[in-house]
Amino acid sequence: MAMLSHPSKSEADRHTPFAPTQELFSLPPVQSPVEPSVSEHLNPTKTSALKVVLPAIFWKDDQTLHFIDASKPDSIRDFVSFDLSVDRIEKFYKHLWFAGLPQRARPLHYHRMLHRKIIVTERADLHLLWQDDWIFIKPLPDYIMSHVVWSTAIQENQTTFNSARGFLLSYLWLVNRESDFVVAQSEKLISSQLKWEQWRLFSTTIAPNLTLETFKDISPRYRYGELRLNRVNWIYRLCSKTRNLQRFARGYFYTYRRYTTFLQRNFAWVLTVIAYVAIMLSAMQVGLGTMQLKENKRFNRVSYGFTVFSLVLPLAILLIAALVLLFLILINFIYLLHRRKSAELSSSVKDIPLRPYAH
């Protein structure tokens, strides 16, 4: 049984942004005959709060499977730290100015006005990243509105503490009107058990405690609201702290599931170029038929050069597209071999062994 450690001096300075009596969710009772003090600490007697239902398992990036035991603070701590992590994007936060403005995210009703589709993601490092007419938003987890979870799993780690405060702040941006709350519940971003009045009182309580002026104890990622995914991809490819060959090919978040999609998005401009070349060739042909330009040597040279250029250009574009496609296939094949090798060598699965399917 994991023991609850006494908070250090630095931990004592990390304050939960709401009081125990103001929590909206609480962990359900857990029987702990060996250490009743742990059980009491994890499960207050408060009955007005809704019950936190944690997932049973979660997968980490190294493909290891972890069970979540709500009776063990270490297990909750491990899950919450992973669930709220924005470490990957914090590596290049100094360059995020290229992907978005240092301002709050716009509320949910505004995204509906823009006809943006809300894509639910459980990855905090994709929260509020957008592209074209859709935006990633991570649902507000029930546990982040539990004082017990803050005191046992969040406050003990400064990075998790900063990420949790920043994530709460993002929901003050997204949901500040009842219309935003209705959108949030319709998109499954906020628990359907909550009422608007409860959220309004909760947000009124936490807002003054999030140091909005100085962003103290808030992850630097949340100094920015919405970020353009395509620009984040390029920052991730080129930043000295994150770049390598595989990341250059795949970017921060690889949105292509078929090579045809990649070609359509990245070579659509070719149609515009071909249309422009066709117009130019037609204009030159008409020009060569006129008395004024027919005998003009300079115009004839230009027409000749542009004709050769228009013949070479499509071949060059096709060659570049083929090389890019070949490069992507090679990178993805290397990535596949690497993942296969890692899966064969790694047998460290926490709490549960993986067994092959029965054929």
Protein backbone atom coordinates (compact mmCIF):
# COMPACT_ATOMS: atom_id res chain seq x y z
CA MET A 1 0.00 0.00 0.00
CA ALA A 2 1.45 3.37 -0.99
CA MET A 3 1.94 5.82 1.85
CA LEU A 4 0.86 9.45 1.62
CA SER A 5 3.92 11.64 2.00
CA HIS A 6 3.90 14.90 3.94
CA PRO A 7 4.08 17.87 1.57
CA SER A 8 7.43 19.59 1.36
CA LYS A 9 7.81 23.30 1.79
CA SER A 10 7.52 23.84 -1.95
CA GLU A 11 4.41 21.62 -2.08
CA ALA A 12 2.83 23.63 0.73
CA ASP A 13 3.05 26.71 -1.48
CA ARG A 14 0.93 25.05 -4.16
CA HIS A 15 -2.65 25.83 -3.32
CA THR A 16 -5.68 24.08 -4.76
CA PRO A 17 -7.73 26.75 -6.58
CA PHE A 18 -10.88 25.80 -4.67
CA ALA A 19 -11.82 24.68 -1.15
CA PRO A 20 -12.92 21.12 -0.22
CA THR A 21 -16.49 22.33 0.23
CA GLN A 22 -16.48 23.79 -3.29
CA GLU A 23 -15.47 20.63 -5.17
CA LEU A 24 -17.95 19.33 -7.72
CA PHE A 25 -16.64 15.76 -7.79
CA SER A 26 -15.17 13.45 -5.16
CA LEU A 27 -13.65 9.98 -5.19
CA PRO A 28 -16.07 7.23 -4.16
CA PRO A 29 -15.52 5.46 -0.80
CA VAL A 30 -12.74 2.85 -0.76
CA GLN A 31 -12.38 0.26 1.98
CA SER A 32 -8.83 0.27 3.37
CA PRO A 33 -8.62 -1.85 6.55
CA VAL A 34 -4.82 -1.78 6.59
CA GLU A 35 -4.41 1.99 6.49
CA PRO A 36 -7.68 3.75 7.31
CA SER A 37 -5.97 7.14 7.28
CA VAL A 38 -5.30 6.77 3.55
CA SER A 39 -8.91 5.82 2.88
CA GLU A 40 -10.18 8.76 4.90
CA HIS A 41 -7.88 11.15 3.09
CA LEU A 42 -8.93 9.93 -0.33
CA ASN A 43 -12.65 9.85 0.47
CA PRO A 44 -14.13 12.79 2.36
CA THR A 45 -17.52 12.35 3.96
CA LYS A 46 -18.96 15.07 1.77
CA THR A 47 -22.00 13.59 -0.02
CA SER A 48 -23.18 16.54 -2.15
CA ALA A 49 -20.32 16.17 -4.63
CA LEU A 50 -20.69 13.84 -7.59
CA LYS A 51 -18.50 10.76 -7.77
CA VAL A 52 -15.31 10.71 -9.81
CA VAL A 53 -15.18 7.68 -12.07
CA LEU A 54 -11.60 7.17 -13.22
CA PRO A 55 -10.71 5.04 -16.26
CA ALA A 56 -9.72 1.47 -15.52
CA ILE A 57 -6.54 1.54 -17.62
CA PHE A 58 -4.43 3.87 -19.72
CA TRP A 59 -1.67 3.46 -22.28
CA LYS A 60 1.53 5.45 -22.12
CA ASP A 61 3.50 6.58 -25.16
CA ASP A 62 5.94 3.68 -24.73
CA GLN A 63 2.99 1.31 -25.33
CA THR A 64 2.91 0.07 -21.73
CA LEU A 65 -0.46 -0.67 -20.17
CA HIS A 66 -1.23 0.69 -16.69
CA PHE A 67 -4.09 -0.10 -14.32
CA ILE A 68 -5.58 2.73 -12.29
CA ASP A 69 -6.27 1.87 -8.66
CA ALA A 70 -8.33 4.65 -7.05
CA SER A 71 -7.28 3.43 -3.59
CA LYS A 72 -3.59 4.09 -4.30
CA PRO A 73 -2.42 7.72 -4.46
CA ASP A 74 0.62 6.73 -6.54
CA SER A 75 -1.60 5.15 -9.18
CA ILE A 76 -3.81 8.24 -9.40
CA ARG A 77 -0.73 10.46 -9.46
CA ASP A 78 0.76 8.51 -12.36
CA PHE A 79 -2.44 8.71 -14.40
CA VAL A 80 -3.14 12.41 -13.77
CA SER A 81 0.45 13.37 -14.58
CA PHE A 82 0.23 11.55 -17.91
CA ASP A 83 -3.30 12.74 -18.72
CA LEU A 84 -2.51 16.45 -18.29
CA SER A 85 1.04 16.40 -19.68
CA VAL A 86 1.99 19.09 -22.21
CA ASP A 87 5.72 18.38 -21.97
CA ARG A 88 6.06 17.79 -25.70
CA ILE A 89 4.74 21.21 -26.70
CA GLU A 90 6.55 22.98 -23.85
CA LYS A 91 9.88 21.98 -25.42
CA PHE A 92 9.38 24.66 -28.06
CA TYR A 93 6.95 27.06 -26.35
CA LYS A 94 9.29 30.00 -27.06
CA HIS A 95 8.43 29.58 -30.74
CA LEU A 96 4.66 29.28 -30.30
CA TRP A 97 4.26 32.94 -31.32
CA PHE A 98 4.55 31.62 -34.88
CA ALA A 99 1.51 29.36 -34.38
CA GLY A 100 -0.82 31.66 -32.44
CA LEU A 101 -1.26 34.86 -30.50
CA PRO A 102 -0.55 35.09 -26.75
CA GLN A 103 -4.20 35.56 -25.91
CA ARG A 104 -7.11 33.57 -24.54
CA ALA A 105 -8.93 30.98 -26.61
CA ARG A 106 -12.33 32.01 -27.93
CA PRO A 107 -15.45 30.58 -26.26
CA LEU A 108 -17.22 27.54 -27.66
CA HIS A 109 -20.20 29.44 -29.07
CA TYR A 110 -17.78 31.46 -31.20
CA HIS A 111 -16.35 28.28 -32.74
CA ARG A 112 -19.90 27.27 -33.61
CA MET A 113 -20.29 30.68 -35.29
CA LEU A 114 -17.22 29.89 -37.39
CA HIS A 115 -18.75 26.49 -38.31
CA ARG A 116 -15.78 24.74 -36.76
CA LYS A 117 -16.16 21.07 -36.01
CA ILE A 118 -15.04 20.14 -32.49
CA ILE A 119 -12.88 17.01 -32.47
CA VAL A 120 -12.64 15.38 -29.04
CA THR A 121 -9.11 14.36 -28.06
CA GLU A 122 -7.84 12.87 -24.80
CA ARG A 123 -4.34 14.26 -25.40
CA ALA A 124 -3.67 17.48 -23.51
CA ASP A 125 -0.84 18.39 -25.90
CA LEU A 126 -3.39 18.59 -28.75
CA HIS A 127 -5.88 20.68 -26.78
CA LEU A 128 -6.91 23.84 -28.70
CA LEU A 129 -4.91 23.03 -31.84
CA TRP A 130 -6.88 23.76 -35.01
CA GLN A 131 -6.67 23.28 -38.75
CA ASP A 132 -9.04 24.25 -41.56
CA ASP A 133 -12.59 23.99 -40.14
CA TRP A 134 -11.95 21.78 -37.09
CA ILE A 135 -10.36 22.14 -33.66
CA PHE A 136 -9.10 19.62 -31.11
CA ILE A 137 -10.50 20.02 -27.59
CA LYS A 138 -9.82 17.76 -24.62
CA PRO A 139 -12.87 17.13 -22.40
CA LEU A 140 -12.75 18.52 -18.86
CA PRO A 141 -12.02 15.48 -16.66
CA ASP A 142 -14.19 15.09 -13.57
CA TYR A 143 -11.16 14.51 -11.34
CA ILE A 144 -9.83 18.02 -11.96
CA MET A 145 -12.85 19.33 -10.05
CA SER A 146 -12.05 17.14 -7.03
CA HIS A 147 -10.17 18.70 -4.11
CA VAL A 148 -8.99 15.25 -3.01
CA VAL A 149 -7.31 14.60 -6.36
CA TRP A 150 -5.60 17.99 -6.22
CA SER A 151 -4.27 17.44 -2.72
CA THR A 152 -3.07 13.85 -3.31
CA ALA A 153 -2.14 13.65 -6.99
CA ILE A 154 -1.63 17.13 -8.45
CA GLN A 155 0.01 19.34 -5.85
CA GLU A 156 2.97 17.06 -5.23
CA ASN A 157 4.47 17.61 -8.67
CA GLN A 158 5.13 21.14 -9.90
CA THR A 159 4.85 20.24 -13.59
CA THR A 160 1.51 18.46 -13.11
CA PHE A 161 0.34 21.32 -10.88
CA ASN A 162 1.13 23.91 -13.57
CA SER A 163 -0.49 21.82 -16.30
CA ALA A 164 -3.67 21.32 -14.25
CA ARG A 165 -4.00 25.03 -13.51
CA GLY A 166 -3.43 25.88 -17.16
CA PHE A 167 -5.99 23.33 -18.31
CA LEU A 168 -8.58 24.74 -15.88
CA LEU A 169 -7.81 28.21 -17.20
CA SER A 170 -8.49 27.04 -20.75
CA TYR A 171 -12.02 26.04 -19.72
CA LEU A 172 -12.61 29.47 -18.21
CA TRP A 173 -11.87 30.72 -21.72
CA LEU A 174 -14.05 28.16 -23.47
CA VAL A 175 -17.07 28.09 -21.16
CA ASN A 176 -18.13 31.42 -19.69
CA ARG A 177 -21.72 31.75 -20.93
CA GLU A 178 -24.62 29.37 -20.62
CA SER A 179 -24.59 28.95 -24.40
CA ASP A 180 -20.97 27.76 -24.13
CA PHE A 181 -22.00 25.32 -21.42
CA VAL A 182 -24.76 23.90 -23.62
CA VAL A 183 -22.28 23.43 -26.49
CA ALA A 184 -19.77 21.80 -24.11
CA GLN A 185 -22.29 19.25 -22.90
CA SER A 186 -23.62 18.54 -26.39
CA GLU A 187 -20.04 17.82 -27.53
CA LYS A 188 -19.35 15.66 -24.42
CA LEU A 189 -16.70 18.09 -23.15
CA ILE A 190 -18.23 18.54 -19.69
CA SER A 191 -20.01 15.95 -17.57
CA SER A 192 -23.74 15.75 -18.28
CA GLN A 193 -24.29 15.49 -14.50
CA LEU A 194 -23.28 19.12 -13.99
CA LYS A 195 -25.74 22.00 -14.07
CA TRP A 196 -24.99 25.48 -15.39
CA GLU A 197 -25.38 27.04 -11.95
CA GLN A 198 -22.82 24.62 -10.48
CA TRP A 199 -20.29 25.43 -13.18
CA ARG A 200 -20.91 29.16 -12.86
CA LEU A 201 -20.22 29.09 -9.11
CA PHE A 202 -17.19 26.84 -9.57
CA SER A 203 -15.64 29.05 -12.25
CA THR A 204 -16.33 32.14 -10.14
CA THR A 205 -14.41 30.47 -7.30
CA ILE A 206 -11.35 29.34 -9.25
CA ALA A 207 -10.87 32.39 -11.51
CA PRO A 208 -9.31 34.66 -8.81
CA ASN A 209 -6.96 31.83 -7.76
CA LEU A 210 -5.35 31.24 -11.16
CA THR A 211 -3.14 34.40 -11.20
CA LEU A 212 -4.38 35.47 -14.62
CA GLU A 213 -2.21 38.59 -14.68
CA THR A 214 1.19 36.96 -14.08
CA PHE A 215 0.47 33.34 -15.15
CA LYS A 216 2.28 32.20 -12.01
CA ASP A 217 2.24 28.40 -11.59
CA ILE A 218 0.60 27.97 -15.00
CA SER A 219 2.20 25.98 -17.80
CA PRO A 220 3.73 28.29 -20.43
CA ARG A 221 1.75 26.43 -23.10
CA TYR A 222 -1.40 28.12 -21.74
CA ARG A 223 -0.01 31.59 -22.31
CA TYR A 224 -1.38 30.93 -25.79
CA GLY A 225 -4.92 29.93 -26.66
CA GLU A 226 -5.64 28.40 -30.05
CA LEU A 227 -2.66 27.26 -32.12
CA ARG A 228 -2.48 26.45 -35.83
CA LEU A 229 -1.62 22.76 -36.18
CA ASN A 230 0.20 23.12 -39.50
CA ARG A 231 2.50 25.78 -38.03
CA VAL A 232 3.07 23.72 -34.87
CA ASN A 233 4.09 20.89 -37.19
CA TRP A 234 6.74 23.09 -38.81
CA ILE A 235 8.04 24.37 -35.48
CA TYR A 236 8.35 20.79 -34.29
CA ARG A 237 10.21 19.82 -37.46
CA LEU A 238 12.72 22.68 -37.32
CA CYS A 239 13.22 23.41 -33.60
CA SER A 240 16.68 22.31 -32.41
CA LYS A 241 15.17 20.64 -29.32
CA THR A 242 12.81 18.38 -31.25
CA ARG A 243 14.02 17.91 -34.81
CA ASN A 244 15.17 14.64 -36.32
CA LEU A 245 14.54 12.86 -39.62
CA GLN A 246 11.41 11.03 -38.50
CA ARG A 247 9.88 14.12 -36.90
CA PHE A 248 10.68 16.16 -39.99
CA ALA A 249 8.63 13.72 -42.04
CA ARG A 250 5.72 13.23 -39.63
CA GLY A 251 5.61 16.56 -37.79
CA TYR A 252 4.00 17.17 -34.40
CA PHE A 253 0.78 15.38 -35.28
CA TYR A 254 0.59 13.27 -38.42
CA THR A 255 -2.84 13.88 -39.92
CA TYR A 256 -2.39 11.88 -43.11
CA ARG A 257 -3.69 8.33 -43.13
CA ARG A 258 -3.33 7.86 -46.89
CA TYR A 259 -0.69 9.07 -49.32
CA THR A 260 -3.39 10.36 -51.66
CA THR A 261 -4.57 12.72 -48.90
CA PHE A 262 -1.03 14.00 -48.45
CA LEU A 263 -0.67 14.69 -52.18
CA GLN A 264 -4.07 16.39 -52.37
CA ARG A 265 -3.28 18.77 -49.50
CA ASN A 266 0.31 19.58 -50.42
CA PHE A 267 0.18 19.61 -54.22
CA ALA A 268 -3.19 21.24 -54.85
CA TRP A 269 -1.32 24.40 -55.85
CA VAL A 270 -0.03 22.54 -58.94
CA LEU A 271 -3.45 22.91 -60.59
CA THR A 272 -3.23 26.69 -60.18
CA VAL A 273 0.26 26.74 -61.70
CA ILE A 274 -0.84 24.60 -64.66
CA ALA A 275 -3.87 26.84 -65.26
CA TYR A 276 -1.63 29.94 -65.20
CA VAL A 277 0.86 28.35 -67.62
CA ALA A 278 -1.98 27.38 -69.97
CA ILE A 279 -3.29 30.97 -69.97
CA MET A 280 0.20 32.33 -70.64
CA LEU A 281 0.77 29.92 -73.53
CA SER A 282 -2.59 30.84 -75.06
CA ALA A 283 -1.80 34.54 -74.72
CA MET A 284 1.62 34.09 -76.33
CA GLN A 285 0.09 32.12 -79.20
CA VAL A 286 -2.36 34.94 -79.83
CA GLY A 287 0.49 37.45 -79.55
CA LEU A 288 2.56 35.63 -82.17
CA GLY A 289 -0.36 35.91 -84.57
CA THR A 290 -0.46 39.71 -84.39
CA MET A 291 1.48 42.02 -86.70
CA GLN A 292 3.03 43.92 -83.77
CA LEU A 293 4.61 40.89 -82.06
CA LYS A 294 5.10 38.45 -84.92
CA GLU A 295 8.40 40.03 -85.96
CA ASN A 296 9.49 41.01 -82.43
CA LYS A 297 12.64 38.99 -81.75
CA ARG A 298 12.56 39.59 -77.99
CA PHE A 299 8.96 38.38 -77.73
CA ASN A 300 9.82 35.36 -79.84
CA ARG A 301 12.73 34.46 -77.55
CA VAL A 302 10.54 34.84 -74.47
CA SER A 303 7.82 32.70 -76.05
CA TYR A 304 10.34 30.04 -76.98
CA GLY A 305 11.83 29.99 -73.45
CA PHE A 306 8.44 29.88 -71.75
CA THR A 307 7.32 27.04 -74.04
CA VAL A 308 10.33 24.97 -73.04
CA PHE A 309 9.74 25.91 -69.39
CA SER A 310 6.07 24.79 -69.60
CA LEU A 311 7.20 21.42 -70.96
CA VAL A 312 9.82 20.89 -68.24
CA LEU A 313 7.75 22.19 -65.29
CA PRO A 314 5.17 19.36 -65.11
CA LEU A 315 7.93 16.77 -65.34
CA ALA A 316 9.86 18.51 -62.53
CA ILE A 317 6.75 18.67 -60.34
CA LEU A 318 6.01 14.99 -60.93
CA LEU A 319 9.61 14.11 -60.09
CA ILE A 320 9.50 16.15 -56.85
CA ALA A 321 6.16 14.59 -55.87
CA ALA A 322 7.52 11.11 -56.55
CA LEU A 323 10.65 11.79 -54.47
CA VAL A 324 8.61 13.21 -51.58
CA LEU A 325 6.27 10.23 -51.71
CA LEU A 326 9.20 7.81 -51.80
CA PHE A 327 10.77 9.62 -48.83
CA LEU A 328 7.54 9.31 -46.82
CA ILE A 329 7.18 5.63 -47.67
CA LEU A 330 10.77 5.01 -46.57
CA ILE A 331 10.35 6.94 -43.30
CA ASN A 332 7.08 5.18 -42.50
CA PHE A 333 8.65 1.79 -43.28
CA ILE A 334 11.59 2.54 -40.97
CA TYR A 335 9.10 3.70 -38.30
CA LEU A 336 7.14 0.46 -38.73
CA LEU A 337 10.29 -1.65 -38.33
CA HIS A 338 11.30 0.35 -35.26
CA ARG A 339 7.89 -0.12 -33.62
CA ARG A 340 7.94 -3.81 -34.44
CA LYS A 341 11.41 -4.22 -32.95
CA SER A 342 10.40 -2.26 -29.83
CA ALA A 343 7.32 -4.43 -29.40
CA GLU A 344 9.39 -7.61 -29.68
CA LEU A 345 12.11 -6.45 -27.27
CA SER A 346 9.87 -4.77 -24.72
CA SER A 347 8.06 -7.05 -22.32
CA SER A 348 7.68 -4.46 -19.55
CA VAL A 349 3.95 -3.98 -19.22
CA LYS A 350 2.95 -2.59 -15.87
CA ASP A 351 0.38 -4.54 -13.88
CA ILE A 352 -0.71 -6.84 -16.73
CA PRO A 353 1.14 -9.07 -19.22
CA LEU A 354 0.19 -8.98 -22.89
CA ARG A 355 -0.77 -12.33 -24.37
CA PRO A 356 -1.04 -13.20 -28.07
CA TYR A 357 -4.48 -13.61 -29.55
CA ALA A 358 -5.80 -17.18 -29.63
CA HIS A 359 -6.05 -18.31 -33.24
